[in-house]
Amino acid sequence: MNVLIINGHPKEKSFNDAIVKAYEQGALSGNASVEVLTLRDLDFNLSLENAYEDNMSLEEDLKTAIQKIEWCDHMVWVHPVWWAGYPALMKGFIDRAFLPGVTYKYEGKSPFPKQLLKGKTARIICTADSPGWYYKLFLGNSGIKQLKKGVLEFCGVKPVKSTFIGPIRNSTPAFREKWLQKIINLGARLS
């Protein structure tokens, strides 16, 4: 299986980086081919300046990223939850890389697109400073829903599973180590 791990955290040496390495370790132990795409290392304009009216030329890093999305069988999105969603870096990447004709396309007068990423699966792993029950009950899993329903399933990716890790703020090394072991196991199962 070809696995693409997308790191959406803008800061180096975050707990998200450790999660990426843990999932990669697990997936490699299961004989998967793994690529890691660290969004903060890409050089691209975050803003889709012309909306979808005029095609913006794609920077080389985005062309490579799109090739990796097309190559993979399973995507793993790792990101922090900020303001109930994911960071601007990740939103900009989605706006610029998940394009009509690349990940979906409209045909005729149908309001529903042809899904160009069918056959792929995904896992969302997000971290937050709030506990999971708060994120679910009071915020409705908003960022997870946006990525799962509004992006990945819209483009045909199914199933999309999610893992919420929190609260990270004031967490102990034992808490983090326990989660990293769980992530290694997820990677080994390629789920």
Protein backbone atom coordinates (compact mmCIF):
# COMPACT_ATOMS: atom_id res chain seq x y z
CA MET A 1 0.00 0.00 0.00
CA ASN A 2 1.16 3.53 -0.79
CA VAL A 3 0.72 5.85 2.18
CA LEU A 4 0.96 9.64 2.10
CA ILE A 5 1.28 11.36 5.48
CA ILE A 6 0.43 15.06 5.32
CA ASN A 7 1.77 17.16 8.18
CA GLY A 8 -0.32 20.32 8.49
CA HIS A 9 1.39 21.83 11.53
CA PRO A 10 3.20 25.10 10.70
CA LYS A 11 5.75 24.76 13.53
CA GLU A 12 8.77 22.48 13.52
CA LYS A 13 9.34 20.09 16.40
CA SER A 14 5.70 19.99 17.42
CA PHE A 15 3.97 16.94 18.86
CA ASN A 16 2.41 16.59 15.42
CA ASP A 17 5.90 15.91 14.03
CA ALA A 18 6.27 13.07 16.53
CA ILE A 19 2.87 11.71 15.45
CA VAL A 20 3.95 11.78 11.79
CA LYS A 21 7.11 9.83 12.64
CA ALA A 22 5.16 7.32 14.74
CA TYR A 23 2.62 6.62 11.98
CA GLU A 24 5.43 6.35 9.43
CA GLN A 25 7.28 3.87 11.67
CA GLY A 26 4.17 1.73 12.01
CA ALA A 27 3.34 1.82 8.30
CA LEU A 28 6.89 0.91 7.31
CA SER A 29 6.75 -2.07 9.68
CA GLY A 30 3.72 -3.22 7.68
CA ASN A 31 5.73 -3.01 4.43
CA ALA A 32 3.91 0.06 3.13
CA SER A 33 5.58 2.56 0.83
CA VAL A 34 5.46 5.87 2.69
CA GLU A 35 5.88 9.47 1.60
CA VAL A 36 5.66 12.40 4.03
CA LEU A 37 4.45 15.78 2.83
CA THR A 38 5.28 18.52 5.34
CA LEU A 39 3.22 21.51 4.25
CA ARG A 40 5.38 24.12 6.01
CA ASP A 41 8.31 23.06 3.78
CA LEU A 42 6.42 23.71 0.54
CA ASP A 43 6.80 26.94 -1.40
CA PHE A 44 3.38 28.02 -2.68
CA ASN A 45 0.92 30.90 -2.48
CA LEU A 46 -1.71 29.99 0.14
CA SER A 47 -4.37 32.13 -1.50
CA LEU A 48 -6.50 30.94 -4.40
CA GLU A 49 -6.44 34.49 -5.73
CA ASN A 50 -8.75 34.09 -8.72
CA ALA A 51 -11.14 31.68 -7.05
CA TYR A 52 -11.85 28.97 -9.61
CA GLU A 53 -12.53 31.44 -12.42
CA ASP A 54 -8.99 31.54 -13.80
CA ASN A 55 -6.45 28.80 -13.37
CA MET A 56 -3.50 29.91 -11.31
CA SER A 57 -0.25 28.38 -12.40
CA LEU A 58 0.87 25.70 -9.98
CA GLU A 59 4.17 26.03 -8.18
CA GLU A 60 6.53 23.04 -8.51
CA ASP A 61 5.91 22.00 -4.89
CA LEU A 62 2.15 21.83 -5.54
CA LYS A 63 2.68 19.79 -8.71
CA THR A 64 4.75 17.32 -6.69
CA ALA A 65 2.16 17.26 -3.90
CA ILE A 66 -0.63 16.51 -6.38
CA GLN A 67 1.43 13.65 -7.84
CA LYS A 68 1.79 12.22 -4.33
CA ILE A 69 -1.96 12.51 -3.72
CA GLU A 70 -2.61 10.67 -6.99
CA TRP A 71 0.06 8.04 -6.09
CA CYS A 72 -1.23 7.15 -2.63
CA ASP A 73 -3.82 4.58 -1.62
CA HIS A 74 -4.16 5.93 1.91
CA MET A 75 -3.78 9.52 3.17
CA VAL A 76 -3.05 10.43 6.77
CA TRP A 77 -3.68 14.06 7.73
CA VAL A 78 -1.96 15.21 10.93
CA HIS A 79 -2.79 18.68 12.23
CA PRO A 80 -3.55 20.76 15.30
CA VAL A 81 -7.03 22.10 15.98
CA TRP A 82 -6.96 25.90 16.03
CA TRP A 83 -10.17 27.88 16.40
CA ALA A 84 -12.20 24.67 15.97
CA GLY A 85 -10.60 23.93 12.59
CA TYR A 86 -7.27 23.31 10.95
CA PRO A 87 -4.48 25.86 10.37
CA ALA A 88 -4.50 28.35 7.49
CA LEU A 89 -1.52 26.53 5.98
CA MET A 90 -3.63 23.41 5.53
CA LYS A 91 -6.64 25.34 4.23
CA GLY A 92 -4.45 27.11 1.69
CA PHE A 93 -2.96 23.80 0.59
CA ILE A 94 -6.40 22.27 0.09
CA ASP A 95 -7.61 25.34 -1.82
CA ARG A 96 -4.61 25.18 -4.13
CA ALA A 97 -4.14 21.40 -4.58
CA PHE A 98 -7.67 19.96 -4.45
CA LEU A 99 -8.69 21.47 -7.75
CA PRO A 100 -11.42 20.81 -10.30
CA GLY A 101 -10.09 18.28 -12.76
CA VAL A 102 -7.56 17.03 -10.20
CA THR A 103 -9.57 15.71 -7.26
CA TYR A 104 -13.12 16.18 -8.61
CA LYS A 105 -14.87 17.51 -11.68
CA TYR A 106 -18.33 18.66 -12.61
CA GLU A 107 -19.95 17.13 -15.66
CA GLY A 108 -22.93 18.55 -17.47
CA LYS A 109 -25.56 20.20 -15.29
CA SER A 110 -25.24 17.84 -12.34
CA PRO A 111 -24.75 19.64 -9.02
CA PHE A 112 -22.69 16.69 -7.82
CA PRO A 113 -19.13 16.21 -9.00
CA LYS A 114 -17.41 13.15 -10.36
CA GLN A 115 -15.15 12.05 -7.53
CA LEU A 116 -11.61 11.59 -8.83
CA LEU A 117 -10.09 10.17 -5.62
CA LYS A 118 -12.32 7.09 -5.38
CA GLY A 119 -10.58 3.99 -4.11
CA LYS A 120 -8.46 5.92 -1.62
CA THR A 121 -8.88 5.85 2.16
CA ALA A 122 -7.82 8.30 4.85
CA ARG A 123 -7.25 8.90 8.53
CA ILE A 124 -7.35 12.30 10.22
CA ILE A 125 -5.22 12.65 13.36
CA CYS A 126 -5.71 15.95 15.14
CA THR A 127 -4.42 17.39 18.38
CA ALA A 128 -6.02 20.05 20.55
CA ASP A 129 -5.69 21.78 23.86
CA SER A 130 -9.29 20.95 24.71
CA PRO A 131 -10.59 17.51 25.64
CA GLY A 132 -12.31 15.38 23.01
CA TRP A 133 -15.71 15.54 24.68
CA TYR A 134 -15.66 19.34 24.47
CA TYR A 135 -14.64 19.31 20.81
CA LYS A 136 -17.40 16.83 20.00
CA LEU A 137 -20.27 18.16 22.12
CA PHE A 138 -19.72 21.91 21.95
CA LEU A 139 -17.92 22.32 18.63
CA GLY A 140 -19.47 19.41 16.75
CA ASN A 141 -16.13 17.99 15.57
CA SER A 142 -16.14 20.95 13.20
CA GLY A 143 -12.63 20.68 11.73
CA ILE A 144 -12.84 16.92 11.37
CA LYS A 145 -16.22 17.23 9.62
CA GLN A 146 -14.92 19.91 7.29
CA LEU A 147 -11.93 17.82 6.21
CA LYS A 148 -13.80 14.51 6.17
CA LYS A 149 -17.09 15.50 4.53
CA GLY A 150 -16.28 18.77 2.81
CA VAL A 151 -12.97 17.75 1.26
CA LEU A 152 -12.06 14.07 1.32
CA GLU A 153 -15.46 12.38 0.90
CA PHE A 154 -16.49 15.12 -1.56
CA CYS A 155 -13.57 13.93 -3.72
CA GLY A 156 -14.42 10.22 -3.24
CA VAL A 157 -12.09 9.21 -0.39
CA LYS A 158 -13.80 6.57 1.79
CA PRO A 159 -13.68 5.48 4.48
CA VAL A 160 -12.23 8.42 6.39
CA LYS A 161 -11.47 7.61 10.01
CA SER A 162 -10.39 10.07 12.68
CA THR A 163 -8.35 10.16 15.87
CA PHE A 164 -8.58 13.08 18.30
CA ILE A 165 -5.77 13.60 20.81
CA GLY A 166 -6.29 16.07 23.61
CA PRO A 167 -5.81 17.94 25.71
CA ILE A 168 -2.18 18.44 24.68
CA ARG A 169 -1.62 21.56 26.78
CA ASN A 170 -0.13 20.50 30.12
CA SER A 171 -0.05 16.86 29.03
CA THR A 172 2.53 14.57 30.59
CA PRO A 173 5.31 12.74 28.75
CA ALA A 174 3.52 9.48 29.68
CA PHE A 175 0.29 10.72 28.03
CA ARG A 176 2.15 11.61 24.84
CA GLU A 177 4.13 8.36 24.78
CA LYS A 178 0.94 6.34 25.19
CA TRP A 179 -0.57 8.15 22.21
CA LEU A 180 2.54 7.70 20.08
CA GLN A 181 2.38 3.95 20.69
CA LYS A 182 -1.29 3.96 19.61
CA ILE A 183 -0.31 5.84 16.45
CA ILE A 184 2.46 3.33 15.67
CA ASN A 185 -0.17 0.59 15.95
CA LEU A 186 -2.56 2.49 13.64
CA GLY A 187 0.25 2.79 11.10
CA ALA A 188 1.10 -0.89 11.35
CA ARG A 189 -2.56 -1.73 10.63
CA LEU A 190 -2.63 0.92 7.88
CA SER A 191 -5.84 2.31 9.27
